[in-house]
Amino acid sequence: MSGPQQRAPSPIAAPAGWTRALFITISLAFVTLFLVLPLLAVFYEALHKGLAFYFRAISAPESITSIKLTCVVALFVVPLNTFL
């Protein structure tokens, strides 16, 4: 038996370090722009009048009814979207 066979080098070269850093930077900028900033805006608008106002608003009968309706609709729609 002969020794282990060596594989031929791949014709596709590994990306340079700067290209990897560039793609990571672009990805993080995208996530920040489209996920983090809108989430911060939602929390700012919800809480800019204070926690007491937020809890008073979310415990209003209309808010509770809308939250229940959202949960009921989600219970039906999520399985339908999963299996259809």
N, C-alpha and C. Protein backbone atom coordinates (compact mmCIF):
# COMPACT_ATOMS: atom_id res chain seq x y z
N MET A 1 0.82 -1.19 0.00
CA MET A 1 0.00 0.00 0.00
C MET A 1 0.87 1.24 0.00
N SER A 2 0.35 2.22 -0.66
CA SER A 2 1.08 3.48 -0.69
C SER A 2 0.49 4.41 0.37
N GLY A 3 1.11 5.57 0.55
CA GLY A 3 0.66 6.56 1.53
C GLY A 3 -0.67 7.19 1.13
N PRO A 4 -1.18 8.06 1.98
CA PRO A 4 -2.46 8.70 1.67
C PRO A 4 -2.36 9.57 0.42
N GLN A 5 -3.42 9.53 -0.36
CA GLN A 5 -3.44 10.32 -1.58
C GLN A 5 -3.75 11.78 -1.25
N GLN A 6 -3.07 12.65 -1.97
CA GLN A 6 -3.32 14.06 -1.76
C GLN A 6 -4.34 14.54 -2.79
N ARG A 7 -5.25 15.43 -2.32
CA ARG A 7 -6.27 15.97 -3.20
C ARG A 7 -5.69 17.15 -3.97
N ALA A 8 -6.20 17.32 -5.16
CA ALA A 8 -5.79 18.48 -5.96
C ALA A 8 -6.39 19.73 -5.34
N PRO A 9 -5.70 20.85 -5.37
CA PRO A 9 -6.25 22.07 -4.81
C PRO A 9 -7.52 22.48 -5.56
N SER A 10 -8.45 23.03 -4.82
CA SER A 10 -9.72 23.46 -5.39
C SER A 10 -9.49 24.65 -6.32
N PRO A 11 -10.19 24.68 -7.47
CA PRO A 11 -10.02 25.83 -8.36
C PRO A 11 -10.65 27.10 -7.80
N ILE A 12 -11.53 26.96 -6.82
CA ILE A 12 -12.16 28.13 -6.19
C ILE A 12 -11.32 28.51 -4.99
N ALA A 13 -10.79 29.70 -5.02
CA ALA A 13 -9.93 30.17 -3.93
C ALA A 13 -10.78 30.65 -2.76
N ALA A 14 -10.25 30.54 -1.58
CA ALA A 14 -10.93 31.05 -0.39
C ALA A 14 -10.94 32.57 -0.45
N PRO A 15 -12.02 33.20 0.03
CA PRO A 15 -12.07 34.66 -0.02
C PRO A 15 -10.99 35.29 0.86
N ALA A 16 -10.55 36.43 0.42
CA ALA A 16 -9.53 37.16 1.19
C ALA A 16 -10.15 37.65 2.49
N GLY A 17 -9.31 37.96 3.45
CA GLY A 17 -9.79 38.41 4.75
C GLY A 17 -10.61 39.68 4.67
N TRP A 18 -10.22 40.60 3.78
CA TRP A 18 -10.95 41.87 3.69
C TRP A 18 -12.33 41.68 3.08
N THR A 19 -12.49 40.69 2.16
CA THR A 19 -13.81 40.47 1.58
C THR A 19 -14.76 39.86 2.61
N ARG A 20 -14.21 38.97 3.43
CA ARG A 20 -15.03 38.38 4.49
C ARG A 20 -15.48 39.47 5.47
N ALA A 21 -14.58 40.35 5.86
CA ALA A 21 -14.93 41.44 6.76
C ALA A 21 -15.95 42.38 6.11
N LEU A 22 -15.80 42.61 4.81
CA LEU A 22 -16.75 43.47 4.10
C LEU A 22 -18.15 42.87 4.10
N PHE A 23 -18.26 41.58 3.83
CA PHE A 23 -19.57 40.93 3.81
C PHE A 23 -20.20 40.88 5.20
N ILE A 24 -19.40 40.67 6.22
CA ILE A 24 -19.91 40.68 7.59
C ILE A 24 -20.41 42.08 7.95
N THR A 25 -19.66 43.10 7.56
CA THR A 25 -20.07 44.49 7.82
C THR A 25 -21.37 44.82 7.10
N ILE A 26 -21.49 44.42 5.84
CA ILE A 26 -22.72 44.67 5.09
C ILE A 26 -23.90 43.95 5.73
N SER A 27 -23.69 42.72 6.17
CA SER A 27 -24.76 41.95 6.81
C SER A 27 -25.21 42.61 8.11
N LEU A 28 -24.26 43.04 8.92
CA LEU A 28 -24.61 43.70 10.18
C LEU A 28 -25.32 45.02 9.94
N ALA A 29 -24.90 45.76 8.93
CA ALA A 29 -25.58 47.02 8.59
C ALA A 29 -27.01 46.75 8.14
N PHE A 30 -27.22 45.72 7.36
CA PHE A 30 -28.56 45.35 6.90
C PHE A 30 -29.46 44.97 8.07
N VAL A 31 -28.95 44.14 8.96
CA VAL A 31 -29.74 43.73 10.13
C VAL A 31 -30.06 44.93 11.00
N THR A 32 -29.11 45.81 11.18
CA THR A 32 -29.35 47.00 11.99
C THR A 32 -30.40 47.89 11.35
N LEU A 33 -30.30 48.10 10.05
CA LEU A 33 -31.21 49.00 9.37
C LEU A 33 -32.63 48.45 9.31
N PHE A 34 -32.78 47.19 9.05
CA PHE A 34 -34.11 46.64 8.82
C PHE A 34 -34.71 45.89 10.00
N LEU A 35 -33.97 45.67 11.07
CA LEU A 35 -34.50 44.95 12.23
C LEU A 35 -34.37 45.76 13.50
N VAL A 36 -33.19 46.21 13.81
CA VAL A 36 -32.95 46.87 15.09
C VAL A 36 -33.57 48.26 15.14
N LEU A 37 -33.36 49.08 14.12
CA LEU A 37 -33.89 50.44 14.14
C LEU A 37 -35.42 50.48 14.19
N PRO A 38 -36.14 49.70 13.38
CA PRO A 38 -37.60 49.70 13.52
C PRO A 38 -38.07 49.20 14.89
N LEU A 39 -37.38 48.23 15.43
CA LEU A 39 -37.74 47.73 16.76
C LEU A 39 -37.54 48.80 17.82
N LEU A 40 -36.45 49.53 17.74
CA LEU A 40 -36.23 50.64 18.67
C LEU A 40 -37.28 51.73 18.51
N ALA A 41 -37.70 52.00 17.28
CA ALA A 41 -38.74 53.01 17.04
C ALA A 41 -40.07 52.58 17.65
N VAL A 42 -40.40 51.31 17.54
CA VAL A 42 -41.64 50.80 18.13
C VAL A 42 -41.60 50.94 19.65
N PHE A 43 -40.51 50.54 20.26
CA PHE A 43 -40.41 50.65 21.72
C PHE A 43 -40.39 52.11 22.17
N TYR A 44 -39.75 52.98 21.42
CA TYR A 44 -39.74 54.40 21.77
C TYR A 44 -41.16 54.96 21.74
N GLU A 45 -41.89 54.69 20.66
CA GLU A 45 -43.25 55.21 20.55
C GLU A 45 -44.16 54.62 21.62
N ALA A 46 -43.95 53.37 21.98
CA ALA A 46 -44.80 52.73 22.98
C ALA A 46 -44.52 53.27 24.38
N LEU A 47 -43.29 53.63 24.64
CA LEU A 47 -42.91 53.97 26.01
C LEU A 47 -42.54 55.44 26.21
N HIS A 48 -42.70 56.31 25.22
CA HIS A 48 -42.23 57.69 25.37
C HIS A 48 -43.07 58.50 26.35
N LYS A 49 -44.29 58.05 26.67
CA LYS A 49 -45.09 58.74 27.67
C LYS A 49 -44.97 58.10 29.05
N GLY A 50 -44.15 57.10 29.17
CA GLY A 50 -43.90 56.46 30.46
C GLY A 50 -44.55 55.09 30.56
N LEU A 51 -44.05 54.31 31.52
CA LEU A 51 -44.56 52.95 31.71
C LEU A 51 -45.99 52.94 32.21
N ALA A 52 -46.35 53.89 33.07
CA ALA A 52 -47.71 53.92 33.61
C ALA A 52 -48.73 54.11 32.49
N PHE A 53 -48.45 55.03 31.57
CA PHE A 53 -49.35 55.26 30.43
C PHE A 53 -49.42 54.01 29.55
N TYR A 54 -48.30 53.35 29.32
CA TYR A 54 -48.26 52.15 28.51
C TYR A 54 -49.13 51.05 29.12
N PHE A 55 -48.95 50.80 30.42
CA PHE A 55 -49.72 49.74 31.07
C PHE A 55 -51.20 50.09 31.14
N ARG A 56 -51.51 51.36 31.30
CA ARG A 56 -52.91 51.78 31.30
C ARG A 56 -53.53 51.56 29.92
N ALA A 57 -52.78 51.87 28.88
CA ALA A 57 -53.29 51.71 27.51
C ALA A 57 -53.43 50.24 27.13
N ILE A 58 -52.47 49.43 27.53
CA ILE A 58 -52.52 48.02 27.14
C ILE A 58 -53.54 47.22 27.95
N SER A 59 -53.95 47.74 29.09
CA SER A 59 -54.95 47.04 29.90
C SER A 59 -56.36 47.57 29.65
N ALA A 60 -56.52 48.46 28.69
CA ALA A 60 -57.85 48.94 28.32
C ALA A 60 -58.64 47.80 27.68
N PRO A 61 -59.96 47.81 27.84
CA PRO A 61 -60.78 46.71 27.28
C PRO A 61 -60.59 46.53 25.76
N GLU A 62 -60.44 47.63 25.03
CA GLU A 62 -60.23 47.51 23.57
C GLU A 62 -58.92 46.82 23.25
N SER A 63 -57.89 47.11 24.03
CA SER A 63 -56.58 46.49 23.81
C SER A 63 -56.63 45.00 24.10
N ILE A 64 -57.27 44.64 25.19
CA ILE A 64 -57.37 43.22 25.55
C ILE A 64 -58.15 42.45 24.50
N THR A 65 -59.24 43.04 24.01
CA THR A 65 -60.03 42.40 22.96
C THR A 65 -59.22 42.22 21.69
N SER A 66 -58.45 43.23 21.31
CA SER A 66 -57.66 43.12 20.08
C SER A 66 -56.53 42.09 20.24
N ILE A 67 -55.97 41.99 21.42
CA ILE A 67 -54.92 40.98 21.66
C ILE A 67 -55.52 39.58 21.57
N LYS A 68 -56.70 39.39 22.15
CA LYS A 68 -57.38 38.08 22.07
C LYS A 68 -57.68 37.72 20.62
N LEU A 69 -58.19 38.69 19.86
CA LEU A 69 -58.50 38.44 18.46
C LEU A 69 -57.25 38.07 17.67
N THR A 70 -56.16 38.74 17.93
CA THR A 70 -54.90 38.42 17.26
C THR A 70 -54.45 37.00 17.57
N CYS A 71 -54.58 36.60 18.82
CA CYS A 71 -54.18 35.23 19.21
C CYS A 71 -55.07 34.19 18.55
N VAL A 72 -56.39 34.43 18.50
CA VAL A 72 -57.31 33.47 17.88
C VAL A 72 -57.01 33.34 16.39
N VAL A 73 -56.80 34.45 15.72
CA VAL A 73 -56.49 34.40 14.29
C VAL A 73 -55.17 33.66 14.06
N ALA A 74 -54.18 33.92 14.90
CA ALA A 74 -52.87 33.25 14.76
C ALA A 74 -53.01 31.74 14.97
N LEU A 75 -53.89 31.32 15.89
CA LEU A 75 -54.09 29.89 16.13
C LEU A 75 -54.62 29.18 14.89
N PHE A 76 -55.40 29.87 14.08
CA PHE A 76 -55.92 29.25 12.86
C PHE A 76 -54.98 29.42 11.68
N VAL A 77 -54.36 30.56 11.55
CA VAL A 77 -53.59 30.86 10.35
C VAL A 77 -52.24 30.16 10.33
N VAL A 78 -51.58 30.08 11.46
CA VAL A 78 -50.24 29.46 11.48
C VAL A 78 -50.29 27.99 11.05
N PRO A 79 -51.21 27.17 11.59
CA PRO A 79 -51.26 25.78 11.08
C PRO A 79 -51.64 25.71 9.59
N LEU A 80 -52.55 26.59 9.16
CA LEU A 80 -52.91 26.57 7.73
C LEU A 80 -51.71 26.90 6.86
N ASN A 81 -50.95 27.88 7.24
CA ASN A 81 -49.75 28.24 6.45
C ASN A 81 -48.68 27.17 6.53
N THR A 82 -48.66 26.43 7.62
CA THR A 82 -47.65 25.38 7.78
C THR A 82 -47.94 24.19 6.87
N PHE A 83 -49.20 23.81 6.77
CA PHE A 83 -49.53 22.57 6.06
C PHE A 83 -50.09 22.79 4.66
N LEU A 84 -50.42 24.01 4.29
CA LEU A 84 -50.95 24.23 2.93
C LEU A 84 -49.95 24.90 2.04
